[in-house]
N, C-alpha and C. Protein backbone atom coordinates (compact mmCIF):
# COMPACT_ATOMS: atom_id res chain seq x y z
N UNK A 1 137.96 104.98 110.34
CA UNK A 1 138.04 106.41 110.41
C UNK A 1 139.50 106.82 110.47
N UNK A 2 139.76 107.99 109.97
CA UNK A 2 141.13 108.49 109.95
C UNK A 2 141.46 109.16 111.27
N UNK A 3 142.74 109.38 111.45
CA UNK A 3 143.19 110.11 112.63
C UNK A 3 142.85 111.59 112.52
N UNK A 4 142.44 112.04 111.31
CA UNK A 4 142.10 113.45 111.12
C UNK A 4 140.70 113.78 111.63
N UNK A 5 139.89 112.76 111.94
CA UNK A 5 138.53 112.99 112.44
C UNK A 5 138.57 113.58 113.84
N UNK A 6 137.57 114.39 114.19
CA UNK A 6 137.52 114.93 115.55
C UNK A 6 137.32 113.80 116.56
N UNK A 7 137.64 114.05 117.80
CA UNK A 7 137.55 113.04 118.87
C UNK A 7 136.11 112.54 119.01
N UNK A 8 135.11 113.43 118.84
CA UNK A 8 133.71 113.06 119.01
C UNK A 8 133.27 112.02 117.98
N UNK A 9 133.85 112.04 116.79
CA UNK A 9 133.42 111.14 115.73
C UNK A 9 134.21 109.84 115.66
N UNK A 10 135.25 109.70 116.40
CA UNK A 10 136.09 108.51 116.29
C UNK A 10 135.38 107.25 116.75
N UNK A 11 134.50 107.32 117.74
CA UNK A 11 133.80 106.14 118.21
C UNK A 11 132.37 106.04 117.70
N UNK A 12 131.94 106.95 116.83
CA UNK A 12 130.56 106.97 116.35
C UNK A 12 130.32 105.83 115.38
N UNK A 13 129.09 105.26 115.45
CA UNK A 13 128.69 104.20 114.53
C UNK A 13 127.63 104.78 113.61
N UNK A 14 127.84 104.66 112.33
CA UNK A 14 126.90 105.17 111.35
C UNK A 14 126.00 104.03 110.89
N UNK A 15 124.68 104.17 111.08
CA UNK A 15 123.74 103.13 110.68
C UNK A 15 123.73 102.93 109.17
N UNK A 16 123.82 103.98 108.43
CA UNK A 16 123.79 103.91 106.97
C UNK A 16 125.20 103.97 106.39
N UNK A 17 126.12 103.30 107.05
CA UNK A 17 127.50 103.32 106.56
C UNK A 17 127.55 102.69 105.18
N UNK A 18 128.19 103.33 104.29
CA UNK A 18 128.32 102.83 102.94
C UNK A 18 127.25 103.38 101.99
N UNK A 19 126.20 103.97 102.51
CA UNK A 19 125.18 104.56 101.65
C UNK A 19 125.48 106.04 101.46
N UNK A 20 125.56 106.49 100.24
CA UNK A 20 125.79 107.91 100.01
C UNK A 20 124.55 108.71 100.41
N UNK A 21 124.76 109.98 100.62
CA UNK A 21 123.67 110.86 101.05
C UNK A 21 122.55 110.92 100.01
N UNK A 22 122.88 110.86 98.74
CA UNK A 22 121.85 110.94 97.70
C UNK A 22 120.96 109.70 97.72
N UNK A 23 121.48 108.55 98.14
CA UNK A 23 120.68 107.33 98.22
C UNK A 23 119.66 107.42 99.35
N UNK A 24 120.08 107.95 100.49
CA UNK A 24 119.14 108.15 101.60
C UNK A 24 118.05 109.14 101.22
N UNK A 25 118.43 110.20 100.54
CA UNK A 25 117.47 111.21 100.10
C UNK A 25 116.48 110.60 99.10
N UNK A 26 116.97 109.71 98.24
CA UNK A 26 116.10 109.05 97.27
C UNK A 26 115.08 108.15 97.96
N UNK A 27 115.50 107.44 98.99
CA UNK A 27 114.57 106.60 99.75
C UNK A 27 113.47 107.44 100.41
N UNK A 28 113.87 108.53 101.02
CA UNK A 28 112.89 109.41 101.68
C UNK A 28 111.93 109.97 100.65
N UNK A 29 112.41 110.38 99.50
CA UNK A 29 111.54 110.93 98.46
C UNK A 29 110.57 109.88 97.92
N UNK A 30 111.00 108.62 97.83
CA UNK A 30 110.10 107.55 97.40
C UNK A 30 108.95 107.40 98.38
N UNK A 31 109.25 107.39 99.67
CA UNK A 31 108.20 107.25 100.67
C UNK A 31 107.27 108.46 100.67
N UNK A 32 107.81 109.64 100.52
CA UNK A 32 106.98 110.85 100.47
C UNK A 32 106.07 110.80 99.24
N UNK A 33 106.59 110.37 98.10
CA UNK A 33 105.78 110.28 96.88
C UNK A 33 104.70 109.21 97.03
N UNK A 34 105.02 108.09 97.64
CA UNK A 34 104.05 107.03 97.84
C UNK A 34 102.92 107.48 98.77
N UNK A 35 103.25 108.15 99.84
CA UNK A 35 102.25 108.65 100.77
C UNK A 35 101.38 109.71 100.10
N UNK A 36 101.97 110.57 99.30
CA UNK A 36 101.21 111.59 98.57
C UNK A 36 100.27 110.95 97.56
N UNK A 37 100.73 109.91 96.87
CA UNK A 37 99.89 109.22 95.89
C UNK A 37 98.69 108.55 96.57
N UNK A 38 98.93 107.90 97.68
CA UNK A 38 97.83 107.29 98.44
C UNK A 38 96.88 108.36 98.95
N UNK A 39 97.44 109.47 99.40
CA UNK A 39 96.61 110.57 99.88
C UNK A 39 95.73 111.18 98.80
N UNK A 40 96.14 111.10 97.55
CA UNK A 40 95.33 111.62 96.46
C UNK A 40 94.32 110.59 95.96
N UNK A 41 94.70 109.33 95.90
CA UNK A 41 93.84 108.31 95.32
C UNK A 41 92.77 107.79 96.28
N UNK A 42 93.07 107.71 97.54
CA UNK A 42 92.11 107.16 98.50
C UNK A 42 90.82 107.97 98.58
N UNK A 43 90.85 109.30 98.72
CA UNK A 43 89.59 110.06 98.74
C UNK A 43 88.81 109.94 97.43
N UNK A 44 89.51 109.86 96.31
CA UNK A 44 88.85 109.70 95.02
C UNK A 44 88.12 108.36 94.96
N UNK A 45 88.78 107.30 95.39
CA UNK A 45 88.16 105.97 95.37
C UNK A 45 86.96 105.90 96.31
N UNK A 46 87.09 106.48 97.49
CA UNK A 46 85.98 106.47 98.45
C UNK A 46 84.81 107.29 97.92
N UNK A 47 85.08 108.43 97.33
CA UNK A 47 84.02 109.27 96.76
C UNK A 47 83.32 108.58 95.60
N UNK A 48 84.07 107.94 94.73
CA UNK A 48 83.48 107.23 93.60
C UNK A 48 82.59 106.09 94.08
N UNK A 49 83.06 105.34 95.06
CA UNK A 49 82.25 104.24 95.61
C UNK A 49 80.97 104.78 96.24
N UNK A 50 81.08 105.87 96.97
CA UNK A 50 79.92 106.45 97.65
C UNK A 50 78.87 106.91 96.64
N UNK A 51 79.29 107.57 95.58
CA UNK A 51 78.35 108.04 94.55
C UNK A 51 77.73 106.85 93.82
N UNK A 52 78.52 105.84 93.50
CA UNK A 52 77.99 104.66 92.81
C UNK A 52 76.97 103.93 93.69
N UNK A 53 77.25 103.82 94.97
CA UNK A 53 76.32 103.14 95.89
C UNK A 53 75.00 103.92 96.01
N UNK A 54 75.09 105.23 96.13
CA UNK A 54 73.89 106.05 96.23
C UNK A 54 73.05 105.93 94.95
N UNK A 55 73.69 105.97 93.80
CA UNK A 55 72.98 105.83 92.53
C UNK A 55 72.34 104.45 92.42
N UNK A 56 73.07 103.42 92.83
CA UNK A 56 72.53 102.06 92.78
C UNK A 56 71.33 101.91 93.72
N UNK A 57 71.40 102.51 94.91
CA UNK A 57 70.28 102.42 95.85
C UNK A 57 69.04 103.11 95.29
N UNK A 58 69.21 104.27 94.67
CA UNK A 58 68.07 104.99 94.09
C UNK A 58 67.48 104.22 92.91
N UNK A 59 68.33 103.68 92.06
CA UNK A 59 67.85 102.90 90.92
C UNK A 59 67.15 101.63 91.38
N UNK A 60 67.68 101.01 92.39
CA UNK A 60 67.07 99.79 92.94
C UNK A 60 65.70 100.10 93.53
N UNK A 61 65.61 101.21 94.21
CA UNK A 61 64.32 101.60 94.79
C UNK A 61 63.28 101.79 93.70
N UNK A 62 63.67 102.42 92.58
CA UNK A 62 62.76 102.59 91.44
C UNK A 62 62.31 101.24 90.88
N UNK A 63 63.26 100.33 90.73
CA UNK A 63 62.94 99.01 90.15
C UNK A 63 62.02 98.23 91.08
N UNK A 64 62.27 98.23 92.36
CA UNK A 64 61.42 97.50 93.30
C UNK A 64 60.04 98.12 93.35
N UNK A 65 59.96 99.44 93.32
CA UNK A 65 58.65 100.11 93.30
C UNK A 65 57.87 99.75 92.03
N UNK A 66 58.56 99.60 90.92
CA UNK A 66 57.91 99.29 89.64
C UNK A 66 57.40 97.85 89.62
N UNK A 67 58.23 96.90 90.05
CA UNK A 67 57.88 95.49 89.96
C UNK A 67 57.09 94.98 91.17
N UNK A 68 57.26 95.57 92.32
CA UNK A 68 56.55 95.10 93.52
C UNK A 68 55.65 96.24 94.01
N UNK A 69 55.90 96.74 95.19
CA UNK A 69 55.17 97.91 95.68
C UNK A 69 56.11 98.76 96.53
N UNK A 70 55.61 99.90 96.97
CA UNK A 70 56.48 100.85 97.68
C UNK A 70 56.88 100.38 99.08
N UNK A 71 56.15 99.42 99.62
CA UNK A 71 56.47 98.96 100.97
C UNK A 71 57.47 97.81 100.99
N UNK A 72 57.81 97.28 99.85
CA UNK A 72 58.79 96.18 99.79
C UNK A 72 60.18 96.77 99.96
N UNK A 73 60.93 96.29 100.97
CA UNK A 73 62.30 96.80 101.14
C UNK A 73 63.21 96.33 100.01
N UNK A 74 64.23 97.13 99.76
CA UNK A 74 65.19 96.79 98.70
C UNK A 74 66.61 96.80 99.28
N UNK A 75 67.50 96.14 98.54
CA UNK A 75 68.91 96.10 98.96
C UNK A 75 69.76 96.01 97.70
N UNK A 76 70.91 96.68 97.72
CA UNK A 76 71.86 96.59 96.60
C UNK A 76 73.14 95.93 97.10
N UNK A 77 73.81 95.28 96.17
CA UNK A 77 75.08 94.63 96.50
C UNK A 77 76.00 94.76 95.29
N UNK A 78 77.30 94.90 95.57
CA UNK A 78 78.30 94.94 94.51
C UNK A 78 78.95 93.57 94.45
N UNK A 79 78.76 92.87 93.34
CA UNK A 79 79.26 91.51 93.20
C UNK A 79 80.25 91.42 92.04
N UNK A 80 81.44 90.98 92.34
CA UNK A 80 82.45 90.80 91.30
C UNK A 80 82.64 89.34 90.91
N UNK A 81 82.32 88.43 91.78
CA UNK A 81 82.61 87.02 91.54
C UNK A 81 81.50 86.28 90.82
N UNK A 82 80.36 86.87 90.69
CA UNK A 82 79.24 86.23 90.00
C UNK A 82 79.32 86.53 88.51
N UNK A 83 79.48 85.51 87.65
CA UNK A 83 79.65 85.79 86.21
C UNK A 83 78.41 86.35 85.54
N UNK A 84 77.20 85.97 85.98
CA UNK A 84 76.01 86.48 85.32
C UNK A 84 75.58 87.84 85.85
N UNK A 85 76.04 88.21 87.02
CA UNK A 85 75.61 89.47 87.62
C UNK A 85 76.80 90.27 88.12
N UNK A 86 77.76 90.52 87.27
CA UNK A 86 78.95 91.26 87.69
C UNK A 86 78.62 92.74 87.80
N UNK A 87 78.86 93.33 88.96
CA UNK A 87 78.57 94.74 89.19
C UNK A 87 77.51 94.90 90.26
N UNK A 88 76.76 95.98 90.20
CA UNK A 88 75.71 96.27 91.18
C UNK A 88 74.46 95.47 90.84
N UNK A 89 73.91 94.82 91.84
CA UNK A 89 72.67 94.06 91.66
C UNK A 89 71.64 94.56 92.66
N UNK A 90 70.38 94.49 92.26
CA UNK A 90 69.27 94.99 93.07
C UNK A 90 68.42 93.81 93.51
N UNK A 91 68.11 93.77 94.79
CA UNK A 91 67.29 92.71 95.35
C UNK A 91 66.10 93.30 96.08
N UNK A 92 64.97 92.61 96.00
CA UNK A 92 63.81 92.92 96.83
C UNK A 92 63.89 91.98 98.02
N UNK A 93 63.73 92.53 99.21
CA UNK A 93 63.82 91.73 100.42
C UNK A 93 62.41 91.27 100.77
N UNK A 94 62.21 89.96 100.73
CA UNK A 94 60.91 89.38 101.05
C UNK A 94 61.06 88.47 102.26
N UNK A 95 59.96 88.10 102.89
CA UNK A 95 60.06 87.20 104.04
C UNK A 95 60.67 85.84 103.69
N UNK A 96 60.50 85.41 102.45
CA UNK A 96 61.06 84.12 102.06
C UNK A 96 62.51 84.21 101.58
N UNK A 97 63.05 85.42 101.46
CA UNK A 97 64.44 85.60 101.03
C UNK A 97 64.56 86.73 100.02
N UNK A 98 65.77 86.98 99.56
CA UNK A 98 66.02 88.04 98.60
C UNK A 98 65.67 87.57 97.19
N UNK A 99 65.03 88.46 96.42
CA UNK A 99 64.66 88.17 95.04
C UNK A 99 65.40 89.16 94.14
N UNK A 100 66.12 88.63 93.15
CA UNK A 100 66.85 89.48 92.21
C UNK A 100 65.84 90.25 91.36
N UNK A 101 65.98 91.58 91.36
CA UNK A 101 65.05 92.43 90.62
C UNK A 101 65.70 93.00 89.37
N UNK A 102 66.94 93.52 89.50
CA UNK A 102 67.58 94.18 88.35
C UNK A 102 69.09 94.05 88.46
N UNK A 103 69.72 93.99 87.30
CA UNK A 103 71.18 94.07 87.20
C UNK A 103 71.50 95.49 86.79
N UNK A 104 72.25 96.20 87.62
CA UNK A 104 72.52 97.61 87.37
C UNK A 104 73.86 97.85 86.69
N UNK A 105 74.72 96.85 86.62
CA UNK A 105 76.00 96.96 85.94
C UNK A 105 77.11 97.52 86.81
N UNK A 106 78.30 97.65 86.23
CA UNK A 106 79.46 98.16 86.98
C UNK A 106 79.29 99.63 87.34
N UNK A 107 78.74 100.38 86.40
CA UNK A 107 78.45 101.80 86.65
C UNK A 107 76.93 101.92 86.68
N UNK A 108 76.35 102.04 87.88
CA UNK A 108 74.89 102.00 87.97
C UNK A 108 74.24 103.22 87.33
N UNK A 109 73.12 102.97 86.74
CA UNK A 109 72.33 104.04 86.14
C UNK A 109 70.86 103.71 86.32
N UNK A 110 70.05 104.30 85.51
CA UNK A 110 68.61 104.02 85.59
C UNK A 110 68.36 102.56 85.22
N UNK A 111 67.51 101.88 85.97
CA UNK A 111 67.23 100.47 85.66
C UNK A 111 66.41 100.35 84.38
N UNK A 112 66.59 99.25 83.71
CA UNK A 112 65.82 98.98 82.49
C UNK A 112 64.53 98.30 82.91
N UNK A 113 63.46 99.06 82.96
CA UNK A 113 62.18 98.56 83.46
C UNK A 113 61.31 98.12 82.29
N UNK A 114 61.04 96.83 82.21
CA UNK A 114 60.23 96.27 81.15
C UNK A 114 58.95 95.76 81.80
N UNK A 115 57.78 96.30 81.38
CA UNK A 115 56.55 95.85 82.00
C UNK A 115 56.29 94.37 81.70
N UNK A 116 55.75 93.70 82.68
CA UNK A 116 55.41 92.27 82.50
C UNK A 116 54.16 92.17 81.64
N UNK A 117 54.14 91.17 80.78
CA UNK A 117 52.95 90.95 79.96
C UNK A 117 52.24 89.71 80.47
N UNK A 118 50.95 89.73 80.34
CA UNK A 118 50.17 88.57 80.74
C UNK A 118 50.12 87.57 79.60
N UNK A 119 50.35 86.33 79.92
CA UNK A 119 50.33 85.30 78.88
C UNK A 119 49.12 84.44 78.99
């Protein structure tokens, strides 16, 4: 510091010494933009998941009612790691375990209900 500085500033330590004011402002703006982006995307992602889950549950209920009966419980699951059933899958819950009823896909919709034929 120079001798021209006021007495109060002669012993002061600046944490951001060497950083210009515009650099500090840029850092703050990055954090504000990141927080705003998360604030916009998080509710959208949660809402999309909620709607997809509700649609999958309703479609699963239709499929289980069609293939089994109305008293058979159903369950949906979102599976990404299973290569044959990637997306929403519908299961009928039976005493012996879960039975795969329908593959609803990544974006669930009405299940493809094919009547069983007697052979």
